Every structure is written in C-alpha cells, then in structure tokens.
N, C-alpha and C. Protein backbone atom coordinates (compact mmCIF):
# COMPACT_ATOMS: atom_id res chain seq x y z
N MET A 1 46.60 87.26 -2.20
CA MET A 1 46.05 86.38 -2.23
C MET A 1 46.32 85.33 -3.42
N LYS A 2 47.32 85.41 -4.35
CA LYS A 2 47.87 84.87 -6.01
C LYS A 2 48.67 84.18 -4.98
N LYS A 3 49.71 84.30 -3.73
CA LYS A 3 50.28 83.63 -3.30
C LYS A 3 49.43 82.17 -2.52
N ALA A 4 48.59 82.66 -1.90
CA ALA A 4 47.77 81.69 -1.10
C ALA A 4 47.58 80.77 -2.20
N ILE A 5 46.72 81.12 -2.96
CA ILE A 5 45.88 80.31 -4.50
C ILE A 5 47.40 79.58 -4.86
N CYS A 6 48.54 79.94 -4.71
CA CYS A 6 49.96 79.41 -5.62
C CYS A 6 50.26 77.85 -4.68
N SER A 7 50.16 78.49 -2.92
CA SER A 7 50.52 77.59 -2.79
C SER A 7 49.76 76.29 -2.10
N ILE A 8 48.07 76.20 -2.35
CA ILE A 8 47.44 75.20 -2.26
C ILE A 8 47.34 74.51 -3.42
N PHE A 9 47.55 75.35 -4.50
CA PHE A 9 48.24 74.43 -5.66
C PHE A 9 49.66 73.60 -5.80
N ILE A 10 50.34 74.00 -5.12
CA ILE A 10 51.19 73.29 -4.88
C ILE A 10 50.92 72.14 -4.34
N VAL A 11 50.16 72.41 -3.03
CA VAL A 11 50.09 71.29 -2.24
C VAL A 11 49.38 69.95 -2.95
N VAL A 12 48.01 70.36 -4.01
CA VAL A 12 47.61 69.83 -4.22
C VAL A 12 47.94 68.95 -5.46
N ALA A 13 49.20 69.52 -6.02
CA ALA A 13 49.71 68.84 -6.98
C ALA A 13 51.24 68.15 -6.71
N ILE A 14 51.46 68.46 -5.61
CA ILE A 14 52.40 67.63 -4.54
C ILE A 14 51.45 65.73 -3.84
N ILE A 15 50.09 66.18 -3.44
CA ILE A 15 49.49 64.88 -2.95
C ILE A 15 49.22 64.05 -4.15
N ILE A 16 49.02 64.82 -5.09
CA ILE A 16 48.26 63.22 -6.39
C ILE A 16 49.56 63.02 -7.21
N VAL A 17 50.96 64.40 -6.80
CA VAL A 17 51.87 62.50 -7.60
C VAL A 17 52.49 61.86 -6.53
N THR A 18 52.58 62.36 -4.85
CA THR A 18 52.22 61.66 -4.00
C THR A 18 51.10 60.03 -4.35
N THR A 19 50.27 60.64 -4.45
CA THR A 19 49.07 59.38 -4.63
C THR A 19 48.79 58.45 -5.86
N ALA A 20 49.45 59.15 -6.67
CA ALA A 20 50.06 58.56 -8.18
C ALA A 20 51.05 57.47 -7.92
N GLY A 21 51.81 58.13 -7.47
CA GLY A 21 53.61 57.52 -6.91
C GLY A 21 52.96 56.23 -6.25
N THR A 22 52.07 55.99 -5.01
CA THR A 22 51.32 55.15 -3.91
C THR A 22 51.13 53.67 -4.77
N SER A 23 49.90 54.61 -5.97
CA SER A 23 48.79 53.34 -6.88
C SER A 23 49.66 52.91 -7.78
N PHE A 24 50.84 53.41 -8.18
CA PHE A 24 52.05 52.56 -9.50
C PHE A 24 52.59 51.73 -8.61
N ALA A 25 53.29 52.34 -7.45
CA ALA A 25 53.86 51.31 -6.79
C ALA A 25 53.34 50.21 -6.42
N PHE A 26 51.95 50.44 -5.85
CA PHE A 26 50.58 49.31 -5.91
C PHE A 26 50.65 48.49 -6.75
N PHE A 27 50.69 49.43 -7.77
CA PHE A 27 49.98 48.49 -9.17
C PHE A 27 51.12 47.31 -9.39
N SER A 28 52.83 47.70 -9.49
CA SER A 28 53.39 47.47 -9.67
C SER A 28 53.49 46.39 -9.50
N ALA A 29 53.56 46.40 -7.57
CA ALA A 29 53.72 44.49 -7.10
C ALA A 29 52.70 44.04 -7.20
N THR A 30 51.77 44.45 -7.82
CA THR A 30 50.22 43.13 -7.71
C THR A 30 50.68 42.63 -8.88
N ALA A 31 51.16 43.24 -9.96
CA ALA A 31 51.22 42.84 -11.60
C ALA A 31 52.32 42.11 -10.92
N THR A 32 53.65 42.03 -10.82
CA THR A 32 54.48 41.38 -10.57
C THR A 32 54.35 40.10 -9.82
N SER A 33 53.43 39.99 -8.65
CA SER A 33 53.45 38.91 -7.84
C SER A 33 51.87 37.98 -9.27
N GLU A 34 51.13 38.88 -9.38
CA GLU A 34 50.62 38.30 -10.53
C GLU A 34 50.88 37.06 -11.80
N GLY A 35 52.16 38.16 -12.03
CA GLY A 35 53.23 37.72 -13.48
C GLY A 35 54.12 36.42 -12.91
N GLU A 36 53.98 36.24 -11.62
CA GLU A 36 55.05 35.01 -11.78
C GLU A 36 54.71 34.05 -11.25
N ASP A 37 55.08 32.70 -11.75
CA ASP A 37 54.36 31.25 -12.04
C ASP A 37 55.10 30.68 -10.38
N ILE A 38 54.35 30.53 -9.81
CA ILE A 38 54.35 29.83 -8.92
C ILE A 38 53.69 27.75 -8.20
N SER A 39 54.98 27.78 -7.66
CA SER A 39 54.89 26.33 -7.47
C SER A 39 55.34 25.77 -6.27
N GLY A 40 54.99 24.19 -6.11
CA GLY A 40 55.08 24.08 -4.83
C GLY A 40 55.88 22.44 -4.79
N GLU A 41 56.16 21.90 -3.91
CA GLU A 41 56.48 20.24 -3.88
C GLU A 41 55.17 19.78 -4.34
N THR A 42 55.24 18.22 -4.45
CA THR A 42 54.46 17.20 -3.77
C THR A 42 54.57 16.61 -3.13
N PHE A 43 53.91 16.40 -2.07
CA PHE A 43 54.16 15.37 -1.06
C PHE A 43 54.23 14.26 -1.50
N THR A 44 55.14 13.33 -0.89
CA THR A 44 54.83 11.89 -1.71
C THR A 44 55.32 11.09 -0.66
N PHE A 45 54.24 10.15 -0.14
CA PHE A 45 54.14 9.26 1.00
C PHE A 45 54.53 8.11 0.14
N ASP A 46 55.82 7.45 0.55
CA ASP A 46 56.32 6.09 -0.02
C ASP A 46 57.43 5.20 0.71
N VAL A 47 56.59 5.22 1.97
CA VAL A 47 57.34 4.08 2.97
C VAL A 47 56.32 3.27 2.89
N LYS A 48 57.52 1.57 3.80
CA LYS A 48 57.05 0.04 3.24
C LYS A 48 57.08 -0.42 4.76
N LEU A 49 56.40 -0.80 5.29
CA LEU A 49 56.58 -1.65 6.43
C LEU A 49 56.72 -3.58 6.32
N ASN A 50 57.72 -3.54 6.40
CA ASN A 50 57.66 -5.00 6.49
C ASN A 50 57.89 -5.36 8.13
N MET A 51 57.05 -6.98 8.39
CA MET A 51 57.12 -7.73 10.38
C MET A 51 57.08 -8.76 9.42
N ASN A 52 58.34 -9.18 10.48
CA ASN A 52 58.91 -10.60 10.23
C ASN A 52 58.52 -11.10 11.74
N THR A 53 58.02 -12.25 12.25
CA THR A 53 57.73 -12.65 13.18
C THR A 53 59.21 -13.56 13.45
N ILE A 54 59.60 -13.12 14.80
CA ILE A 54 60.61 -13.40 15.63
C ILE A 54 60.49 -15.06 16.55
N TYR A 55 59.11 -14.31 17.48
CA TYR A 55 58.57 -15.65 17.99
C TYR A 55 57.43 -15.03 18.13
N LYS A 56 56.05 -16.76 18.00
CA LYS A 56 54.40 -16.06 18.52
C LYS A 56 54.51 -17.42 19.64
N ALA A 57 53.84 -16.59 20.37
CA ALA A 57 53.94 -17.48 21.95
C ALA A 57 52.67 -18.36 21.62
N GLU A 58 52.71 -19.53 21.60
CA GLU A 58 51.23 -20.11 21.19
C GLU A 58 50.26 -20.07 22.41
N GLN A 59 50.66 -20.05 23.65
CA GLN A 59 49.95 -19.59 25.25
C GLN A 59 50.86 -19.12 25.94
N LEU A 60 50.51 -17.43 26.29
CA LEU A 60 51.50 -16.78 26.73
C LEU A 60 50.79 -16.73 28.16
N ILE A 61 52.66 -17.02 28.97
CA ILE A 61 52.74 -17.15 30.58
C ILE A 61 53.01 -15.80 30.83
N PRO A 62 52.41 -15.41 32.25
CA PRO A 62 52.80 -14.58 32.93
C PRO A 62 54.21 -14.18 33.16
N LEU A 63 55.12 -12.62 32.43
CA LEU A 63 56.38 -12.36 32.81
C LEU A 63 56.31 -11.00 33.63
N SER A 64 57.39 -10.81 34.86
CA SER A 64 57.39 -9.29 35.20
C SER A 64 57.91 -8.75 34.22
N ASP A 65 57.29 -7.13 34.08
CA ASP A 65 57.78 -6.20 33.18
C ASP A 65 59.51 -6.54 33.11
N ASP A 66 59.88 -6.53 34.20
CA ASP A 66 61.84 -5.84 34.09
C ASP A 66 62.47 -7.24 33.95
N LEU A 67 61.54 -8.29 32.93
CA LEU A 67 62.45 -9.15 32.75
C LEU A 67 62.31 -9.61 31.66
N VAL A 68 61.52 -8.57 30.53
CA VAL A 68 60.86 -8.60 28.91
C VAL A 68 62.78 -8.19 28.32
N ASP A 69 63.02 -7.33 29.10
CA ASP A 69 64.58 -7.33 28.53
C ASP A 69 65.53 -8.49 28.07
N ASP A 70 65.21 -9.17 29.54
CA ASP A 70 65.75 -10.76 29.13
C ASP A 70 65.71 -12.01 28.13
N ALA A 71 63.75 -11.71 28.37
CA ALA A 71 63.53 -12.34 27.56
C ALA A 71 63.95 -12.68 25.57
N ILE A 72 64.23 -10.84 25.51
CA ILE A 72 64.41 -10.99 23.68
C ILE A 72 65.74 -10.44 23.84
N LYS A 73 66.83 -10.23 24.61
CA LYS A 73 67.88 -10.04 24.24
C LYS A 73 69.09 -11.18 24.07
N LYS A 74 68.44 -12.51 24.33
CA LYS A 74 69.22 -12.98 24.36
C LYS A 74 69.40 -13.97 23.49
N ALA A 75 70.74 -14.13 23.09
CA ALA A 75 71.09 -14.34 21.37
C ALA A 75 70.10 -16.05 20.40
N SER A 76 69.70 -16.85 21.49
CA SER A 76 68.62 -17.25 20.96
C SER A 76 67.47 -18.02 21.82
N ASN A 77 66.13 -18.62 21.98
CA ASN A 77 65.40 -19.07 22.17
C ASN A 77 64.66 -18.40 23.13
N LYS A 78 64.75 -16.73 22.15
CA LYS A 78 64.10 -15.76 22.57
C LYS A 78 62.64 -15.67 23.01
N CYS A 79 62.18 -14.99 24.21
CA CYS A 79 60.76 -15.38 24.78
C CYS A 79 60.48 -16.65 25.48
N ILE A 80 61.37 -17.38 25.42
CA ILE A 80 61.33 -18.54 26.40
C ILE A 80 62.15 -18.05 27.40
N ASP A 81 61.45 -19.13 28.59
CA ASP A 81 62.38 -18.50 29.53
C ASP A 81 63.12 -20.10 29.98
N SER A 82 63.48 -19.79 31.36
CA SER A 82 65.09 -20.90 31.81
C SER A 82 63.81 -22.71 32.00
N LYS A 83 62.47 -22.20 32.29
CA LYS A 83 62.10 -23.67 32.03
C LYS A 83 61.68 -24.09 31.01
N GLY A 84 61.31 -23.32 30.12
CA GLY A 84 60.82 -23.61 28.37
C GLY A 84 59.48 -22.82 28.50
N TYR A 85 58.81 -22.29 29.72
CA TYR A 85 57.62 -21.55 29.16
C TYR A 85 57.46 -20.63 28.17
N GLN A 86 56.56 -20.40 27.51
CA GLN A 86 56.63 -18.47 26.10
C GLN A 86 55.95 -17.98 27.13
N VAL A 87 56.85 -16.61 27.24
CA VAL A 87 56.49 -15.69 27.67
C VAL A 87 56.49 -14.24 27.16
N CYS A 88 56.76 -14.57 25.90
CA CYS A 88 56.39 -13.51 25.16
C CYS A 88 56.16 -13.60 23.59
N SER A 89 55.49 -12.26 22.66
CA SER A 89 55.45 -12.78 21.61
C SER A 89 56.67 -11.74 20.93
N LEU A 90 57.19 -11.78 19.68
CA LEU A 90 58.24 -11.10 19.15
C LEU A 90 58.16 -11.02 17.60
N TYR A 91 57.92 -9.47 17.42
CA TYR A 91 57.71 -8.85 15.68
C TYR A 91 59.21 -7.98 15.39
N GLU A 92 59.97 -8.18 14.13
CA GLU A 92 60.89 -7.13 13.92
C GLU A 92 59.73 -6.44 12.81
N ILE A 93 59.97 -4.95 12.95
CA ILE A 93 59.12 -4.73 12.39
C ILE A 93 60.57 -2.99 11.64
N THR A 94 60.40 -3.52 10.13
CA THR A 94 61.36 -2.67 9.38
C THR A 94 60.78 -1.77 8.58
N LEU A 95 61.13 -0.36 8.47
CA LEU A 95 60.31 0.31 7.43
C LEU A 95 61.40 1.04 6.90
N THR A 96 61.43 1.64 5.36
CA THR A 96 61.96 1.58 4.45
C THR A 96 61.00 2.91 3.63
N ASN A 97 62.04 3.79 3.22
CA ASN A 97 61.04 5.68 2.64
C ASN A 97 61.98 5.69 1.14
N SER A 98 61.07 5.64 0.56
CA SER A 98 61.43 5.63 -1.04
C SER A 98 61.23 7.11 -1.25
N GLY A 99 60.02 8.01 -0.60
CA GLY A 99 59.63 9.15 -1.09
C GLY A 99 60.36 10.14 -0.11
N ASN A 100 59.29 11.29 0.09
CA ASN A 100 60.18 12.51 1.15
C ASN A 100 60.57 12.14 2.72
N ALA A 101 61.27 12.64 3.17
CA ALA A 101 61.74 12.49 4.58
C ALA A 101 60.04 12.25 5.00
N GLN A 102 60.10 11.66 6.57
CA GLN A 102 58.78 11.96 7.03
C GLN A 102 58.94 11.80 8.65
N ILE A 103 58.22 12.15 9.48
CA ILE A 103 58.50 11.84 10.43
C ILE A 103 56.91 11.30 11.05
N LEU A 104 57.20 10.35 11.39
CA LEU A 104 55.99 9.15 11.46
C LEU A 104 55.56 8.89 13.35
N ASN A 105 54.44 8.57 13.64
CA ASN A 105 54.06 8.21 15.12
C ASN A 105 53.63 7.18 14.99
N GLY A 106 54.06 5.93 15.67
CA GLY A 106 53.49 4.85 16.10
C GLY A 106 52.52 4.69 16.73
N TYR A 107 51.43 3.05 16.58
CA TYR A 107 50.41 2.85 17.71
C TYR A 107 50.30 1.62 17.07
N VAL A 108 49.60 0.87 18.27
CA VAL A 108 49.68 -0.78 17.79
C VAL A 108 47.69 0.15 18.35
N SER A 109 46.83 -1.07 17.75
CA SER A 109 45.31 -0.91 17.71
C SER A 109 44.47 -2.15 17.75
N THR A 110 43.65 -2.44 18.26
CA THR A 110 42.95 -3.93 18.81
C THR A 110 42.12 -4.26 17.44
N SER A 111 42.39 -5.36 16.97
CA SER A 111 40.91 -5.17 15.90
C SER A 111 40.11 -6.59 16.47
N SER A 112 40.97 -7.52 17.38
CA SER A 112 39.70 -8.33 17.90
C SER A 112 40.53 -8.55 19.69
N THR A 113 39.74 -9.40 19.99
CA THR A 113 39.70 -9.49 21.77
C THR A 113 39.00 -10.18 22.39
N ASP A 114 39.78 -11.37 22.96
CA ASP A 114 38.39 -11.74 24.22
C ASP A 114 39.02 -11.61 25.53
N TYR A 115 40.17 -10.89 25.89
CA TYR A 115 41.26 -10.68 26.94
C TYR A 115 39.33 -9.59 28.20
N THR A 116 40.03 -9.85 29.64
CA THR A 116 38.78 -8.98 30.02
C THR A 116 39.47 -8.48 31.78
N THR A 117 40.84 -8.04 30.77
CA THR A 117 41.53 -8.11 32.29
C THR A 117 42.94 -6.76 31.16
N ASP A 118 43.47 -5.82 31.77
CA ASP A 118 44.47 -5.09 30.93
C ASP A 118 45.61 -5.10 31.51
N ASN A 119 46.08 -6.66 31.38
CA ASN A 119 47.43 -7.00 31.61
C ASN A 119 48.19 -7.65 30.50
N LEU A 120 47.54 -7.54 29.38
CA LEU A 120 48.39 -7.80 28.28
C LEU A 120 49.21 -6.24 27.74
N LYS A 121 50.25 -6.47 27.56
CA LYS A 121 51.02 -5.06 27.48
C LYS A 121 52.26 -5.43 26.35
N TYR A 122 52.70 -4.45 25.47
CA TYR A 122 53.06 -4.13 24.66
C TYR A 122 54.43 -3.34 24.94
N GLN A 123 55.56 -3.20 23.96
CA GLN A 123 56.37 -2.40 24.28
C GLN A 123 57.44 -2.64 23.38
N ILE A 124 58.57 -1.11 22.44
CA ILE A 124 58.75 -1.10 21.37
C ILE A 124 60.26 -0.91 22.11
N PHE A 125 61.48 -1.76 20.32
CA PHE A 125 62.87 -1.89 21.79
C PHE A 125 63.19 -1.43 19.58
N ASP A 126 64.25 -0.79 19.52
CA ASP A 126 64.91 -0.38 18.65
C ASP A 126 65.82 -1.50 18.26
N SER A 127 66.63 -1.46 16.84
CA SER A 127 67.46 -2.64 16.43
C SER A 127 68.63 -3.12 17.22
N THR A 128 68.42 -2.47 18.88
CA THR A 128 69.71 -2.61 19.41
C THR A 128 68.99 -3.50 20.95
N PHE A 129 68.08 -4.03 20.92
CA PHE A 129 66.95 -4.09 21.89
C PHE A 129 67.14 -3.24 22.95
N THR A 130 67.09 -1.69 22.78
CA THR A 130 67.12 -0.46 23.53
C THR A 130 65.64 -0.42 23.21
N LYS A 131 65.12 0.07 24.59
CA LYS A 131 63.76 0.48 24.71
C LYS A 131 63.50 1.83 23.74
N VAL A 132 62.23 1.94 23.85
CA VAL A 132 62.15 2.88 22.53
C VAL A 132 60.61 3.84 23.11
N SER A 133 59.88 2.62 23.81
CA SER A 133 58.79 3.34 24.76
C SER A 133 58.64 2.87 25.88
N ASP A 134 57.29 2.81 26.66
CA ASP A 134 57.47 2.70 28.20
C ASP A 134 56.65 1.29 28.26
N VAL A 135 56.30 0.96 29.04
CA VAL A 135 55.70 -0.57 28.67
C VAL A 135 53.77 -0.03 28.53
N MET A 136 53.18 -0.66 27.68
CA MET A 136 52.01 0.01 26.80
C MET A 136 50.71 -0.52 27.31
N THR A 137 49.99 -0.43 27.19
CA THR A 137 48.44 -1.70 27.96
C THR A 137 47.99 -1.56 26.58
N LEU A 138 47.69 -2.86 26.13
CA LEU A 138 46.59 -3.28 24.90
C LEU A 138 45.64 -2.88 25.22
N SER A 139 44.47 -2.15 23.91
CA SER A 139 43.37 -1.54 24.93
C SER A 139 42.72 -3.20 24.41
N ARG A 140 41.20 -2.99 24.93
CA ARG A 140 40.09 -3.76 24.74
C ARG A 140 39.13 -3.54 24.21
N VAL A 141 39.59 -2.08 23.35
CA VAL A 141 38.27 -1.75 22.72
C VAL A 141 38.82 -1.41 21.40
N LEU A 142 37.88 -2.01 20.34
CA LEU A 142 37.87 -2.09 19.32
C LEU A 142 38.47 -0.90 18.81
N ASN A 143 39.78 -0.97 17.36
CA ASN A 143 40.36 -0.17 17.16
C ASN A 143 40.65 0.82 17.68
N GLU A 144 40.65 1.18 19.09
CA GLU A 144 41.77 1.75 20.04
C GLU A 144 43.14 1.70 19.18
N LYS A 145 44.17 3.46 19.26
CA LYS A 145 45.14 3.41 19.12
C LYS A 145 45.17 3.62 20.17
N VAL A 146 46.35 3.06 20.46
CA VAL A 146 47.65 3.07 21.67
C VAL A 146 48.79 3.71 20.90
N TYR A 147 49.45 4.63 21.08
CA TYR A 147 50.51 5.28 20.34
C TYR A 147 51.75 4.77 21.21
N PHE A 148 52.84 4.80 20.54
CA PHE A 148 54.27 4.74 21.64
C PHE A 148 53.98 6.02 21.95
N LYS A 149 55.25 5.42 23.20
CA LYS A 149 54.86 6.88 24.38
C LYS A 149 55.92 6.70 25.53
N LYS A 150 56.45 7.62 25.91
CA LYS A 150 57.81 7.76 26.33
C LYS A 150 57.24 8.88 27.59
N GLY A 151 56.71 8.63 28.81
CA GLY A 151 56.28 9.30 29.48
C GLY A 151 55.22 10.06 28.87
N ASN A 152 54.72 11.39 28.97
CA ASN A 152 53.88 12.09 28.18
C ASN A 152 54.08 12.20 27.05
N SER A 153 55.18 11.72 26.03
CA SER A 153 55.57 12.40 25.06
C SER A 153 55.27 11.47 24.00
N LEU A 154 54.65 11.46 22.77
CA LEU A 154 54.42 10.70 21.87
C LEU A 154 56.35 10.35 21.27
N VAL A 155 56.16 8.97 21.06
CA VAL A 155 57.64 9.05 20.61
C VAL A 155 57.62 8.67 18.87
N SER A 156 58.41 9.58 18.23
CA SER A 156 58.07 10.20 16.79
C SER A 156 59.84 9.50 15.99
N ALA A 157 58.96 9.12 14.87
CA ALA A 157 60.03 8.34 13.86
C ALA A 157 60.57 8.83 12.83
N PRO A 158 61.62 10.00 12.89
CA PRO A 158 62.07 10.19 11.36
C PRO A 158 62.63 9.24 11.26
N ILE A 159 62.52 9.66 9.65
CA ILE A 159 62.66 8.61 8.58
C ILE A 159 62.96 9.27 7.04
N ASP A 160 64.39 9.02 6.61
CA ASP A 160 64.83 9.44 5.49
C ASP A 160 65.03 8.29 4.32
N THR A 161 66.00 8.32 3.81
CA THR A 161 66.20 7.11 2.89
C THR A 161 66.81 5.88 3.90
N SER A 162 66.99 6.36 4.76
CA SER A 162 67.88 4.94 5.62
C SER A 162 66.66 4.12 6.21
N ALA A 163 67.01 2.64 6.30
CA ALA A 163 65.94 1.55 6.98
C ALA A 163 66.00 2.39 8.11
N ILE A 164 64.70 2.04 8.80
CA ILE A 164 64.66 2.07 10.56
C ILE A 164 63.86 0.56 10.92
N THR A 165 64.85 -0.35 11.67
CA THR A 165 64.34 -1.40 12.83
C THR A 165 64.02 -0.97 14.15
N TYR A 166 62.45 -1.91 14.18
CA TYR A 166 62.11 -1.56 15.80
C TYR A 166 61.79 -3.50 15.98
N TYR A 167 61.41 -3.26 17.07
CA TYR A 167 60.80 -4.97 17.83
C TYR A 167 59.77 -4.02 18.71
N LEU A 168 58.78 -5.10 18.20
CA LEU A 168 57.59 -5.20 19.37
C LEU A 168 57.48 -6.56 19.94
N VAL A 169 57.30 -6.26 20.77
CA VAL A 169 57.31 -7.41 21.86
C VAL A 169 55.72 -7.57 23.08
N ILE A 170 55.08 -8.41 23.07
CA ILE A 170 54.17 -8.46 23.63
C ILE A 170 53.95 -9.78 24.82
N TRP A 171 53.64 -9.62 26.15
CA TRP A 171 53.76 -10.29 26.91
C TRP A 171 52.36 -9.97 27.71
N LEU A 172 52.07 -10.72 28.81
CA LEU A 172 51.04 -11.01 30.10
C LEU A 172 52.06 -10.36 31.19
N THR A 173 51.22 -9.27 32.02
CA THR A 173 52.45 -8.70 32.88
C THR A 173 51.92 -9.64 34.06
N GLU A 174 52.56 -10.17 34.54
CA GLU A 174 52.87 -10.99 36.12
C GLU A 174 52.37 -9.92 37.23
N THR A 175 51.02 -10.40 37.89
CA THR A 175 50.33 -9.54 38.67
C THR A 175 50.75 -10.36 40.23
N ASN A 176 51.19 -11.33 39.90
CA ASN A 176 52.27 -12.08 41.61
C ASN A 176 50.30 -12.42 42.15
N ASP A 177 49.23 -12.45 41.58
CA ASP A 177 47.98 -13.42 42.24
C ASP A 177 47.51 -14.40 41.14
N SER A 178 46.37 -14.51 41.19
CA SER A 178 45.40 -15.67 40.24
C SER A 178 45.61 -14.84 39.02
N GLN A 179 46.29 -15.72 37.79
CA GLN A 179 45.41 -14.95 36.61
C GLN A 179 44.31 -15.98 35.42
N ASN A 180 43.71 -16.29 36.54
CA ASN A 180 43.25 -17.91 35.36
C ASN A 180 42.18 -16.89 34.55
N GLU A 181 41.83 -15.62 34.79
CA GLU A 181 41.29 -14.93 33.95
C GLU A 181 41.96 -14.73 32.61
N ASP A 182 43.22 -14.67 32.30
CA ASP A 182 43.86 -14.58 31.22
C ASP A 182 44.41 -15.72 30.30
N PHE A 183 43.73 -16.82 31.38
CA PHE A 183 44.45 -18.28 30.08
C PHE A 183 43.57 -18.09 29.13
N ALA A 184 44.03 -19.23 27.91
CA ALA A 184 44.07 -19.59 26.22
C ALA A 184 43.11 -18.89 26.04
N LYS A 185 43.59 -16.77 26.24
CA LYS A 185 42.91 -15.57 25.77
C LYS A 185 43.57 -15.44 24.55
N THR A 186 42.82 -14.89 23.39
CA THR A 186 43.72 -14.26 22.36
C THR A 186 43.39 -12.89 22.00
N PHE A 187 43.82 -12.48 21.14
CA PHE A 187 44.30 -11.02 20.68
C PHE A 187 44.81 -10.95 19.25
N SER A 188 44.34 -10.46 18.48
CA SER A 188 44.65 -9.86 17.52
C SER A 188 44.66 -8.11 17.21
N GLY A 189 45.55 -8.05 16.35
CA GLY A 189 45.65 -6.32 15.97
C GLY A 189 46.57 -5.63 14.62
N LYS A 190 46.83 -4.49 15.30
CA LYS A 190 47.73 -3.88 13.53
C LYS A 190 48.57 -2.50 14.64
N ILE A 191 49.99 -2.81 14.16
CA ILE A 191 50.67 -1.84 14.39
C ILE A 191 50.79 -1.34 12.85
N ALA A 192 50.95 0.55 13.23
CA ALA A 192 50.68 1.37 12.10
C ALA A 192 51.96 2.57 12.43
N PHE A 193 52.23 3.04 11.34
CA PHE A 193 52.98 4.74 11.20
C PHE A 193 52.27 5.30 10.44
N GLU A 194 51.96 6.39 11.39
CA GLU A 194 51.62 7.44 10.53
C GLU A 194 51.71 8.87 10.21
N SER A 195 52.09 9.87 9.06
CA SER A 195 52.57 10.87 9.24
C SER A 195 51.97 12.35 9.78
N ILE A 196 52.70 13.07 9.36
CA ILE A 196 51.86 14.41 9.59
C ILE A 196 50.59 14.64 8.52
N ASN A 197 50.61 14.36 7.64
CA ASN A 197 49.32 14.47 6.68
C ASN A 197 48.56 13.52 6.69
N GLY A 198 48.62 12.50 7.46
CA GLY A 198 47.51 11.51 7.62
C GLY A 198 47.68 10.31 6.96
N SER A 199 48.51 10.28 6.35
CA SER A 199 49.30 9.05 5.26
C SER A 199 49.28 8.12 6.49
N THR A 200 49.07 6.85 6.42
CA THR A 200 49.13 5.88 7.31
C THR A 200 49.33 4.20 6.71
N ILE A 201 50.50 3.72 7.43
CA ILE A 201 50.95 1.74 6.66
C ILE A 201 50.53 1.39 7.75
N THR A 202 50.21 -0.20 7.88
CA THR A 202 49.82 -1.24 8.79
C THR A 202 50.40 -2.42 8.56
N ALA A 203 50.29 -3.27 9.16
CA ALA A 203 50.80 -4.53 9.28
C ALA A 203 49.95 -5.46 10.50
N ASN A 204 49.45 -6.63 10.07
CA ASN A 204 48.42 -6.76 11.11
C ASN A 204 49.00 -8.23 12.08
N PHE A 205 48.57 -8.70 13.26
CA PHE A 205 50.22 -9.44 13.82
C PHE A 205 48.40 -9.87 14.68
N THR A 206 49.25 -10.84 15.32
CA THR A 206 48.14 -11.38 16.77
C THR A 206 48.93 -12.20 17.75
N ALA A 207 48.91 -12.40 18.93
CA ALA A 207 49.48 -12.91 20.12
C ALA A 207 48.35 -13.65 21.11
C-alpha cells in the first residue's frame, strides 16, 4: 500500500514539474515577444512620370498595324508616311524613382472620345523601339482602363533607381474598307502606372 501511495506521489510530482516547466516556457516566450521592439519599413512611392510629345497628328490617316514599326523607327519625320500623311501620334514616357523599388502595371484610360468604332489602337515600345505590348484597342467607355498586355499577361515595369523610357504610339488601324466613320474624330486619355499598393501616377494626352 505504501509503495502504491509512493508511486502515485511520484507520478503526480512529475506531472506538476512537467506542467510547471511547460507553463514557464510559454510565459517566457510570450514575455520575450512582448518585450521586443517590432518595427517595419515604411513604403515610399516616389515615382515621377514625364511625357514628351514627339509627334501629334492633327488628322490621323489609317495605317496598317504591321507598318507602325517603320513609322516610328525612322530617324526623322516619325509618324509621317512617304506621301506626307500623318499616320500616328508618338509620345515619349520617362519614369524616374526616388523611393522604394517598384513593380508597376501600365494602362491607358479614356477621358473623352467621339469615335464610334474600335479602330483606334495603341502600343507600347521600349527605348530601342522594341515592342513591349501587343496592339491594344483604346476603349470608347469613359475611364475604362486598357492595361499593357502581351498575350494574356500584364506587362509589368520593374523600376529601382534607374530611369525607364517607353514610347506610346496611337494610330487608326487600316481596315481596307471605307473608314468615313473615323474621319475628324477626337480622343483624349491618360497613360498611367500603378503600383501593387495602389499608388498611381498619370499623364494626359490627346490623339
């Protein structure tokens, strides 16, 4: 009987010691966590956008999509074809960053338009006039965003401390049919870049 009582006492003692040890360990961890200073970096968005008009057409004449490269890559008279027609508008976009490194998604939105067709297009090129995006259709819906895309994927612009240069070109796509409905129309919009945290920079243009 004494042995049984002694055994029970030892088991209870072990349980108490184990439980106390567990409680102490938990309390120590909690106390340490509460005692530490927890700090985090402040996200700084300080990207600037500068838009420079290379050429703005007064009246766009339809242009085949596969001739856009030729229209903007030549050394002079960009956006003017061999017959002297104004076939596109071209803008230089420069992004500079003085804050945290960013990954930006670009888009073009519509501020006003009286186009009744979907023939007004845009495309993004890099500083060497290499295509960055696919041919995109400018929206006829006010404030609708048409993001830079390549296939089904968004075209992202990573930027640290180095400036990035893009070119935005806008033209009327050639349909090989009468395009009287596209004559003497106007469009104004915004080109914008947004960060993953929702900060956005914009610039206005007309075409």
